[in-house]
Amino acid sequence: MSSEVARFVGSIPELYDRHLGPVLFEPYARDLAARLGDAQRVLEVAAGTGRVTRQLLAALVPEGELVATDLNEPMIIEGRARVGNDRRLTWQTADAQALPFDDASFDAVVCQFGLMFCPDRQRALAEMRRVLRPQGRLLFNTWDSLDRNPGSKVVHELAYKAFPDDPPTFMKVPFSLPDPDELRALVHDAGFREVRIQTVAKVGEAPTAAHFATGIVRGNPLWNQLVERGVDAPAFEAAVTEALRATFGDEPCRHPLSAHVVTAVA
């Protein structure tokens, strides 16, 4: 699952959680956790800084067990610090394409906005299928298109404008699975049944446009690509702030979100 375009390192995990977590990820974390049901042993793939982890613990039965994994150790360190101790929770570094768990060892596998980062998505889904018990449930989401997530589209377009001869491509990655038909085919081909896809609209709300701009510029691997190209960081962040403020307002800055939520049975 490793990819040079997706290095969540340095200051990124902390800024990602503080500035993007409440705006982009918390609404969908609550949505996913509400769908968990009564699963006893749950695996979370691509747990990041623990936004979904915290919500899964709130929904998990008292005698349950949650194993939260991520490929990026810095994200796990941030997540462990933010989620805190819970006897039901174990953190582990793991590659979604080669999960270090026995066959048929989980009742549910949950993954928020992680599949898009897997170079071999079919292999990752097959691994999730392998570790699920018969009748176990797969639950994951992917972002809809950039057009339907216009707050993120703002920074993508400004990054291209700033470096037209060598545009940063990171923002294409999280928005690379917007087609429900493609999603359905991927999940079916991995051996799952009863595949259901729901497009869920939310509203992202940041306290200010500048707060969201800090996250969307510096709190994801786009930042690495901007730095490599010699970005004038204050000027670029100011341009993103102004574009967000002009389009979505300030104090708060509110913008539409759209994602696909997929459920399936092993």
C-alpha atoms as a PDB file:
ATOM      1  CA  MET A   1       0.000   0.000   0.000  1.00  0.00           C
ATOM      2  CA  SER A   2       3.012   2.289   0.204  1.00  0.00           C
ATOM      3  CA  SER A   3       3.050   5.233  -2.175  1.00  0.00           C
ATOM      4  CA  GLU A   4       5.333   8.227  -2.455  1.00  0.00           C
ATOM      5  CA  VAL A   5       2.308  10.434  -3.127  1.00  0.00           C
ATOM      6  CA  ALA A   6       0.811   9.550   0.256  1.00  0.00           C
ATOM      7  CA  ARG A   7       3.482  10.242   2.877  1.00  0.00           C
ATOM      8  CA  PHE A   8       1.685  11.231   6.085  1.00  0.00           C
ATOM      9  CA  VAL A   9       4.817  12.278   7.950  1.00  0.00           C
ATOM     10  CA  GLY A  10       6.329  15.207   9.827  1.00  0.00           C
ATOM     11  CA  SER A  11       3.761  17.787  10.934  1.00  0.00           C
ATOM     12  CA  ILE A  12       1.069  16.377   8.634  1.00  0.00           C
ATOM     13  CA  PRO A  13      -0.645  13.930  11.056  1.00  0.00           C
ATOM     14  CA  GLU A  14      -1.221  16.577  13.739  1.00  0.00           C
ATOM     15  CA  LEU A  15      -2.466  19.228  11.284  1.00  0.00           C
ATOM     16  CA  TYR A  16      -4.532  16.596   9.469  1.00  0.00           C
ATOM     17  CA  ASP A  17      -6.385  15.667  12.631  1.00  0.00           C
ATOM     18  CA  ARG A  18      -6.770  19.161  14.081  1.00  0.00           C
ATOM     19  CA  HIS A  19      -7.770  21.042  10.924  1.00  0.00           C
ATOM     20  CA  LEU A  20      -9.262  18.419   8.607  1.00  0.00           C
ATOM     21  CA  GLY A  21     -10.559  15.846  11.083  1.00  0.00           C
ATOM     22  CA  PRO A  22     -13.596  17.753  12.372  1.00  0.00           C
ATOM     23  CA  VAL A  23     -14.409  19.237   8.955  1.00  0.00           C
ATOM     24  CA  LEU A  24     -14.027  16.335   6.498  1.00  0.00           C
ATOM     25  CA  PHE A  25     -13.765  13.100   8.455  1.00  0.00           C
ATOM     26  CA  GLU A  26     -15.824  13.308  11.631  1.00  0.00           C
ATOM     27  CA  PRO A  27     -19.217  13.461   9.836  1.00  0.00           C
ATOM     28  CA  TYR A  28     -18.466  10.280   7.904  1.00  0.00           C
ATOM     29  CA  ALA A  29     -16.833   8.575  10.901  1.00  0.00           C
ATOM     30  CA  ARG A  30     -20.115   8.900  12.776  1.00  0.00           C
ATOM     31  CA  ASP A  31     -21.991   7.603   9.752  1.00  0.00           C
ATOM     32  CA  LEU A  32     -19.795   4.491   9.427  1.00  0.00           C
ATOM     33  CA  ALA A  33     -19.869   3.663  13.126  1.00  0.00           C
ATOM     34  CA  ALA A  34     -23.664   3.907  13.164  1.00  0.00           C
ATOM     35  CA  ARG A  35     -23.716   1.049  10.640  1.00  0.00           C
ATOM     36  CA  LEU A  36     -21.491  -1.319  12.651  1.00  0.00           C
ATOM     37  CA  GLY A  37     -24.186  -3.444  14.289  1.00  0.00           C
ATOM     38  CA  ASP A  38     -23.305  -6.041  16.910  1.00  0.00           C
ATOM     39  CA  ALA A  39     -19.947  -7.233  15.547  1.00  0.00           C
ATOM     40  CA  GLN A  40     -17.725  -8.657  18.303  1.00  0.00           C
ATOM     41  CA  ARG A  41     -14.290  -8.515  16.663  1.00  0.00           C
ATOM     42  CA  VAL A  42     -13.664  -5.582  14.330  1.00  0.00           C
ATOM     43  CA  LEU A  43     -10.707  -4.684  12.123  1.00  0.00           C
ATOM     44  CA  GLU A  44     -10.199  -1.088  11.061  1.00  0.00           C
ATOM     45  CA  VAL A  45      -7.995  -0.591   7.998  1.00  0.00           C
ATOM     46  CA  ALA A  46      -6.333   2.786   7.315  1.00  0.00           C
ATOM     47  CA  ALA A  47      -7.330   4.103  10.733  1.00  0.00           C
ATOM     48  CA  GLY A  48      -5.290   7.286  10.353  1.00  0.00           C
ATOM     49  CA  THR A  49      -5.433   9.480  13.440  1.00  0.00           C
ATOM     50  CA  GLY A  50      -8.350   7.575  14.952  1.00  0.00           C
ATOM     51  CA  ARG A  51     -11.431   9.558  13.946  1.00  0.00           C
ATOM     52  CA  VAL A  52     -13.362   6.397  13.058  1.00  0.00           C
ATOM     53  CA  THR A  53     -11.612   4.415  15.792  1.00  0.00           C
ATOM     54  CA  ARG A  54     -13.132   6.610  18.482  1.00  0.00           C
ATOM     55  CA  GLN A  55     -16.614   6.307  17.002  1.00  0.00           C
ATOM     56  CA  LEU A  56     -16.273   2.540  16.568  1.00  0.00           C
ATOM     57  CA  LEU A  57     -15.351   2.176  20.233  1.00  0.00           C
ATOM     58  CA  ALA A  58     -18.485   4.100  21.163  1.00  0.00           C
ATOM     59  CA  ALA A  59     -20.588   1.726  19.048  1.00  0.00           C
ATOM     60  CA  LEU A  60     -18.736  -1.499  19.924  1.00  0.00           C
ATOM     61  CA  VAL A  61     -20.338  -3.981  22.294  1.00  0.00           C
ATOM     62  CA  PRO A  62     -18.761  -3.981  25.806  1.00  0.00           C
ATOM     63  CA  GLU A  63     -17.124  -7.386  25.289  1.00  0.00           C
ATOM     64  CA  GLY A  64     -15.942  -6.515  21.773  1.00  0.00           C
ATOM     65  CA  GLU A  65     -12.449  -6.091  20.335  1.00  0.00           C
ATOM     66  CA  LEU A  66     -11.173  -3.505  17.864  1.00  0.00           C
ATOM     67  CA  VAL A  67      -7.858  -3.762  16.021  1.00  0.00           C
ATOM     68  CA  ALA A  68      -6.986  -0.414  14.409  1.00  0.00           C
ATOM     69  CA  THR A  69      -4.325  -0.500  11.692  1.00  0.00           C
ATOM     70  CA  ASP A  70      -2.564   1.930   9.377  1.00  0.00           C
ATOM     71  CA  LEU A  71       0.436   1.712   7.087  1.00  0.00           C
ATOM     72  CA  ASN A  72       1.844   5.038   8.344  1.00  0.00           C
ATOM     73  CA  GLU A  73       3.362   4.728  11.815  1.00  0.00           C
ATOM     74  CA  PRO A  74       3.220   8.531  12.424  1.00  0.00           C
ATOM     75  CA  MET A  75      -0.554   8.400  11.945  1.00  0.00           C
ATOM     76  CA  ILE A  76      -0.849   5.560  14.458  1.00  0.00           C
ATOM     77  CA  ILE A  77       1.233   7.507  16.990  1.00  0.00           C
ATOM     78  CA  GLU A  78      -1.090  10.493  16.598  1.00  0.00           C
ATOM     79  CA  GLY A  79      -4.172   8.278  16.766  1.00  0.00           C
ATOM     80  CA  ARG A  80      -3.025   6.441  19.882  1.00  0.00           C
ATOM     81  CA  ALA A  81      -2.436   9.755  21.643  1.00  0.00           C
ATOM     82  CA  ARG A  82      -5.809  11.171  20.667  1.00  0.00           C
ATOM     83  CA  VAL A  83      -8.023   8.145  21.232  1.00  0.00           C
ATOM     84  CA  GLY A  84      -6.543   7.172  24.591  1.00  0.00           C
ATOM     85  CA  ASN A  85      -6.636   3.837  26.390  1.00  0.00           C
ATOM     86  CA  ASP A  86      -9.429   1.323  25.983  1.00  0.00           C
ATOM     87  CA  ARG A  87      -8.974  -2.334  26.925  1.00  0.00           C
ATOM     88  CA  ARG A  88     -10.898  -3.326  23.774  1.00  0.00           C
ATOM     89  CA  LEU A  89      -8.502  -1.482  21.427  1.00  0.00           C
ATOM     90  CA  THR A  90      -5.211  -2.628  19.876  1.00  0.00           C
ATOM     91  CA  TRP A  91      -3.146  -0.555  17.424  1.00  0.00           C
ATOM     92  CA  GLN A  92      -0.986  -2.219  14.777  1.00  0.00           C
ATOM     93  CA  THR A  93       0.955  -1.120  11.717  1.00  0.00           C
ATOM     94  CA  ALA A  94      -0.339  -3.051   8.719  1.00  0.00           C
ATOM     95  CA  ASP A  95      -0.462  -2.914   4.932  1.00  0.00           C
ATOM     96  CA  ALA A  96      -4.014  -3.268   3.624  1.00  0.00           C
ATOM     97  CA  GLN A  97      -2.695  -5.357   0.736  1.00  0.00           C
ATOM     98  CA  ALA A  98      -1.051  -7.900   3.049  1.00  0.00           C
ATOM     99  CA  LEU A  99      -2.999  -7.966   6.313  1.00  0.00           C
ATOM    100  CA  PRO A 100      -1.086  -9.803   9.078  1.00  0.00           C
ATOM    101  CA  PHE A 101      -4.134 -11.660  10.397  1.00  0.00           C
ATOM    102  CA  ASP A 102      -5.496 -15.193  10.123  1.00  0.00           C
ATOM    103  CA  ASP A 103      -8.242 -16.169   7.726  1.00  0.00           C
ATOM    104  CA  ALA A 104     -11.803 -15.692   8.980  1.00  0.00           C
ATOM    105  CA  SER A 105     -10.728 -13.889  12.156  1.00  0.00           C
ATOM    106  CA  PHE A 106     -13.014 -10.805  12.191  1.00  0.00           C
ATOM    107  CA  ASP A 107     -16.754 -10.169  12.226  1.00  0.00           C
ATOM    108  CA  ALA A 108     -16.427  -6.806  10.473  1.00  0.00           C
ATOM    109  CA  VAL A 109     -13.836  -4.826   8.515  1.00  0.00           C
ATOM    110  CA  VAL A 110     -14.171  -1.038   8.429  1.00  0.00           C
ATOM    111  CA  CYS A 111     -12.174   1.370   6.271  1.00  0.00           C
ATOM    112  CA  GLN A 112     -12.731   5.116   5.986  1.00  0.00           C
ATOM    113  CA  PHE A 113     -11.309   6.823   2.886  1.00  0.00           C
ATOM    114  CA  GLY A 114      -8.432   4.361   2.591  1.00  0.00           C
ATOM    115  CA  LEU A 115      -9.071   2.168  -0.437  1.00  0.00           C
ATOM    116  CA  MET A 116      -8.186   4.962  -2.866  1.00  0.00           C
ATOM    117  CA  PHE A 117      -4.583   4.917  -1.592  1.00  0.00           C
ATOM    118  CA  CYS A 118      -4.004   1.227  -2.351  1.00  0.00           C
ATOM    119  CA  PRO A 119      -2.021   0.684  -5.558  1.00  0.00           C
ATOM    120  CA  ASP A 120      -3.778  -2.706  -5.940  1.00  0.00           C
ATOM    121  CA  ARG A 121      -7.327  -2.117  -4.752  1.00  0.00           C
ATOM    122  CA  GLN A 122      -8.510  -5.556  -5.780  1.00  0.00           C
ATOM    123  CA  ARG A 123      -5.816  -7.166  -3.666  1.00  0.00           C
ATOM    124  CA  ALA A 124      -6.725  -4.991  -0.663  1.00  0.00           C
ATOM    125  CA  LEU A 125     -10.395  -5.947  -0.937  1.00  0.00           C
ATOM    126  CA  ALA A 126      -9.459  -9.607  -1.329  1.00  0.00           C
ATOM    127  CA  GLU A 127      -7.429  -9.341   1.900  1.00  0.00           C
ATOM    128  CA  MET A 128     -10.402  -7.832   3.697  1.00  0.00           C
ATOM    129  CA  ARG A 129     -12.539 -10.685   2.393  1.00  0.00           C
ATOM    130  CA  ARG A 130      -9.959 -13.246   3.537  1.00  0.00           C
ATOM    131  CA  VAL A 131      -9.866 -12.080   7.154  1.00  0.00           C
ATOM    132  CA  LEU A 132     -13.659 -11.899   7.466  1.00  0.00           C
ATOM    133  CA  ARG A 133     -15.638 -14.792   8.892  1.00  0.00           C
ATOM    134  CA  PRO A 134     -18.495 -16.237   6.822  1.00  0.00           C
ATOM    135  CA  GLN A 135     -21.328 -13.685   6.859  1.00  0.00           C
ATOM    136  CA  GLY A 136     -18.896 -11.039   8.120  1.00  0.00           C
ATOM    137  CA  ARG A 137     -19.526  -7.465   7.029  1.00  0.00           C
ATOM    138  CA  LEU A 138     -17.391  -5.093   4.996  1.00  0.00           C
ATOM    139  CA  LEU A 139     -18.040  -1.389   5.594  1.00  0.00           C
ATOM    140  CA  PHE A 140     -16.080   1.366   3.866  1.00  0.00           C
ATOM    141  CA  ASN A 141     -16.416   4.704   2.129  1.00  0.00           C
ATOM    142  CA  THR A 142     -14.747   6.629  -0.689  1.00  0.00           C
ATOM    143  CA  TRP A 143     -14.987  10.248  -1.708  1.00  0.00           C
ATOM    144  CA  ASP A 144     -17.287  11.200  -4.541  1.00  0.00           C
ATOM    145  CA  SER A 145     -15.872  13.401  -7.331  1.00  0.00           C
ATOM    146  CA  LEU A 146     -13.975  16.627  -6.724  1.00  0.00           C
ATOM    147  CA  ASP A 147     -16.857  18.494  -8.353  1.00  0.00           C
ATOM    148  CA  ARG A 148     -19.090  17.304  -5.518  1.00  0.00           C
ATOM    149  CA  ASN A 149     -16.478  18.194  -2.897  1.00  0.00           C
ATOM    150  CA  PRO A 150     -15.810  21.785  -3.937  1.00  0.00           C
ATOM    151  CA  GLY A 151     -13.819  22.783  -0.854  1.00  0.00           C
ATOM    152  CA  SER A 152     -11.122  20.288  -1.795  1.00  0.00           C
ATOM    153  CA  LYS A 153     -11.431  21.244  -5.458  1.00  0.00           C
ATOM    154  CA  VAL A 154     -10.396  24.808  -4.602  1.00  0.00           C
ATOM    155  CA  VAL A 155      -6.937  23.802  -3.375  1.00  0.00           C
ATOM    156  CA  HIS A 156      -6.510  21.288  -6.221  1.00  0.00           C
ATOM    157  CA  GLU A 157      -7.151  23.961  -8.852  1.00  0.00           C
ATOM    158  CA  LEU A 158      -4.958  26.550  -7.157  1.00  0.00           C
ATOM    159  CA  ALA A 159      -2.102  24.044  -6.901  1.00  0.00           C
ATOM    160  CA  TYR A 160      -2.365  23.367 -10.631  1.00  0.00           C
ATOM    161  CA  LYS A 161      -2.441  27.102 -11.335  1.00  0.00           C
ATOM    162  CA  ALA A 162       0.645  27.694  -9.193  1.00  0.00           C
ATOM    163  CA  PHE A 163       2.698  24.988 -10.964  1.00  0.00           C
ATOM    164  CA  PRO A 164       1.183  24.527 -14.440  1.00  0.00           C
ATOM    165  CA  ASP A 165       4.306  22.893 -15.876  1.00  0.00           C
ATOM    166  CA  ASP A 166       4.619  20.353 -13.047  1.00  0.00           C
ATOM    167  CA  PRO A 167       1.293  20.263 -11.201  1.00  0.00           C
ATOM    168  CA  PRO A 168       1.023  18.523  -7.829  1.00  0.00           C
ATOM    169  CA  THR A 169      -1.146  15.450  -8.354  1.00  0.00           C
ATOM    170  CA  PHE A 170      -1.901  14.338  -4.790  1.00  0.00           C
ATOM    171  CA  MET A 171      -5.488  15.582  -4.667  1.00  0.00           C
ATOM    172  CA  LYS A 172      -6.397  13.227  -7.512  1.00  0.00           C
ATOM    173  CA  VAL A 173      -5.672  10.239  -5.267  1.00  0.00           C
ATOM    174  CA  PRO A 174      -8.343  10.600  -2.554  1.00  0.00           C
ATOM    175  CA  PHE A 175     -10.917  11.391  -5.243  1.00  0.00           C
ATOM    176  CA  SER A 176      -9.953   8.548  -7.575  1.00  0.00           C
ATOM    177  CA  LEU A 177     -12.930   6.243  -6.868  1.00  0.00           C
ATOM    178  CA  PRO A 178     -15.993   8.409  -7.544  1.00  0.00           C
ATOM    179  CA  ASP A 179     -17.861   5.916  -9.768  1.00  0.00           C
ATOM    180  CA  PRO A 180     -20.364   3.693  -7.895  1.00  0.00           C
ATOM    181  CA  ASP A 181     -20.396   1.169 -10.734  1.00  0.00           C
ATOM    182  CA  GLU A 182     -16.613   0.763 -10.525  1.00  0.00           C
ATOM    183  CA  LEU A 183     -16.864   0.356  -6.761  1.00  0.00           C
ATOM    184  CA  ARG A 184     -19.567  -2.282  -7.084  1.00  0.00           C
ATOM    185  CA  ALA A 185     -17.505  -4.255  -9.604  1.00  0.00           C
ATOM    186  CA  LEU A 186     -14.385  -4.115  -7.421  1.00  0.00           C
ATOM    187  CA  VAL A 187     -16.241  -5.413  -4.366  1.00  0.00           C
ATOM    188  CA  HIS A 188     -18.056  -8.149  -6.306  1.00  0.00           C
ATOM    189  CA  ASP A 189     -14.828  -9.293  -7.941  1.00  0.00           C
ATOM    190  CA  ALA A 190     -13.222  -9.636  -4.494  1.00  0.00           C
ATOM    191  CA  GLY A 191     -15.842 -12.246  -3.611  1.00  0.00           C
ATOM    192  CA  PHE A 192     -18.355 -10.197  -1.617  1.00  0.00           C
ATOM    193  CA  ARG A 193     -22.132 -10.534  -1.797  1.00  0.00           C
ATOM    194  CA  GLU A 194     -25.052  -8.212  -1.090  1.00  0.00           C
ATOM    195  CA  VAL A 195     -23.094  -5.148  -2.168  1.00  0.00           C
ATOM    196  CA  ARG A 196     -24.927  -1.929  -1.404  1.00  0.00           C
ATOM    197  CA  ILE A 197     -23.738   1.595  -2.188  1.00  0.00           C
ATOM    198  CA  GLN A 198     -25.267   4.766  -0.798  1.00  0.00           C
ATOM    199  CA  THR A 199     -24.137   8.273  -1.738  1.00  0.00           C
ATOM    200  CA  VAL A 200     -24.153  10.334   1.436  1.00  0.00           C
ATOM    201  CA  ALA A 201     -24.111  14.137   1.431  1.00  0.00           C
ATOM    202  CA  LYS A 202     -22.776  16.074   4.406  1.00  0.00           C
ATOM    203  CA  VAL A 203     -21.655  19.622   5.133  1.00  0.00           C
ATOM    204  CA  GLY A 204     -18.099  20.350   6.184  1.00  0.00           C
ATOM    205  CA  GLU A 205     -17.908  23.208   8.664  1.00  0.00           C
ATOM    206  CA  ALA A 206     -14.664  24.882   9.744  1.00  0.00           C
ATOM    207  CA  PRO A 207     -14.566  27.719  12.289  1.00  0.00           C
ATOM    208  CA  THR A 208     -12.925  29.965   9.681  1.00  0.00           C
ATOM    209  CA  ALA A 209     -11.744  29.739   6.084  1.00  0.00           C
ATOM    210  CA  ALA A 210      -8.146  30.133   7.310  1.00  0.00           C
ATOM    211  CA  HIS A 211      -8.546  27.164   9.665  1.00  0.00           C
ATOM    212  CA  PHE A 212      -9.666  24.900   6.814  1.00  0.00           C
ATOM    213  CA  ALA A 213      -7.010  26.293   4.469  1.00  0.00           C
ATOM    214  CA  THR A 214      -4.253  25.337   6.914  1.00  0.00           C
ATOM    215  CA  GLY A 215      -5.503  21.762   6.941  1.00  0.00           C
ATOM    216  CA  ILE A 216      -6.154  21.354   3.246  1.00  0.00           C
ATOM    217  CA  VAL A 217      -2.751  22.880   2.342  1.00  0.00           C
ATOM    218  CA  ARG A 218      -0.455  21.631   5.116  1.00  0.00           C
ATOM    219  CA  GLY A 219      -2.370  18.692   6.609  1.00  0.00           C
ATOM    220  CA  ASN A 220      -2.083  16.196   3.778  1.00  0.00           C
ATOM    221  CA  PRO A 221       0.630  14.909   1.424  1.00  0.00           C
ATOM    222  CA  LEU A 222      -0.130  17.674  -1.084  1.00  0.00           C
ATOM    223  CA  TRP A 223       2.096  19.736   1.211  1.00  0.00           C
ATOM    224  CA  ASN A 224       5.113  17.542   0.413  1.00  0.00           C
ATOM    225  CA  GLN A 225       4.566  18.081  -3.306  1.00  0.00           C
ATOM    226  CA  LEU A 226       4.180  21.843  -2.877  1.00  0.00           C
ATOM    227  CA  VAL A 227       7.394  22.089  -0.842  1.00  0.00           C
ATOM    228  CA  GLU A 228       9.290  20.022  -3.410  1.00  0.00           C
ATOM    229  CA  ARG A 229       8.236  22.562  -6.047  1.00  0.00           C
ATOM    230  CA  GLY A 230       9.387  25.554  -3.993  1.00  0.00           C
ATOM    231  CA  VAL A 231       6.004  26.916  -3.023  1.00  0.00           C
ATOM    232  CA  ASP A 232       5.704  30.361  -1.452  1.00  0.00           C
ATOM    233  CA  ALA A 233       3.800  28.850   1.461  1.00  0.00           C
ATOM    234  CA  PRO A 234       2.319  31.997   3.058  1.00  0.00           C
ATOM    235  CA  ALA A 235       1.165  33.361  -0.316  1.00  0.00           C
ATOM    236  CA  PHE A 236      -0.332  30.052  -1.422  1.00  0.00           C
ATOM    237  CA  GLU A 237      -2.144  29.481   1.871  1.00  0.00           C
ATOM    238  CA  ALA A 238      -3.469  33.052   1.741  1.00  0.00           C
ATOM    239  CA  ALA A 239      -4.788  32.465  -1.787  1.00  0.00           C
ATOM    240  CA  VAL A 240      -6.552  29.280  -0.673  1.00  0.00           C
ATOM    241  CA  THR A 241      -8.013  31.082   2.346  1.00  0.00           C
ATOM    242  CA  GLU A 242      -9.374  33.904   0.204  1.00  0.00           C
ATOM    243  CA  ALA A 243     -10.871  31.510  -2.367  1.00  0.00           C
ATOM    244  CA  LEU A 244     -12.565  29.483   0.373  1.00  0.00           C
ATOM    245  CA  ARG A 245     -13.845  32.606   2.092  1.00  0.00           C
ATOM    246  CA  ALA A 246     -15.214  34.053  -1.144  1.00  0.00           C
ATOM    247  CA  THR A 247     -17.010  30.838  -2.097  1.00  0.00           C
ATOM    248  CA  PHE A 248     -18.089  29.320   1.213  1.00  0.00           C
ATOM    249  CA  GLY A 249     -18.028  32.158   3.716  1.00  0.00           C
ATOM    250  CA  ASP A 250     -16.118  32.699   6.921  1.00  0.00           C
ATOM    251  CA  GLU A 251     -16.822  32.181  10.619  1.00  0.00           C
ATOM    252  CA  PRO A 252     -17.932  29.505   9.829  1.00  0.00           C
ATOM    253  CA  CYS A 253     -16.731  28.264   6.457  1.00  0.00           C
ATOM    254  CA  ARG A 254     -19.325  25.712   5.273  1.00  0.00           C
ATOM    255  CA  HIS A 255     -19.026  23.627   2.090  1.00  0.00           C
ATOM    256  CA  PRO A 256     -20.742  20.549   0.601  1.00  0.00           C
ATOM    257  CA  LEU A 257     -19.289  17.062   0.994  1.00  0.00           C
ATOM    258  CA  SER A 258     -20.227  13.883  -0.841  1.00  0.00           C
ATOM    259  CA  ALA A 259     -19.025  10.303  -0.366  1.00  0.00           C
ATOM    260  CA  HIS A 260     -20.080   6.765  -1.273  1.00  0.00           C
ATOM    261  CA  VAL A 261     -20.698   4.331   1.589  1.00  0.00           C
ATOM    262  CA  VAL A 262     -20.314   0.652   0.662  1.00  0.00           C
ATOM    263  CA  THR A 263     -21.575  -2.333   2.651  1.00  0.00           C
ATOM    264  CA  ALA A 264     -21.153  -5.982   1.663  1.00  0.00           C
ATOM    265  CA  VAL A 265     -21.219  -9.496   3.111  1.00  0.00           C
ATOM    266  CA  ALA A 266     -18.412 -12.072   2.959  1.00  0.00           C
END
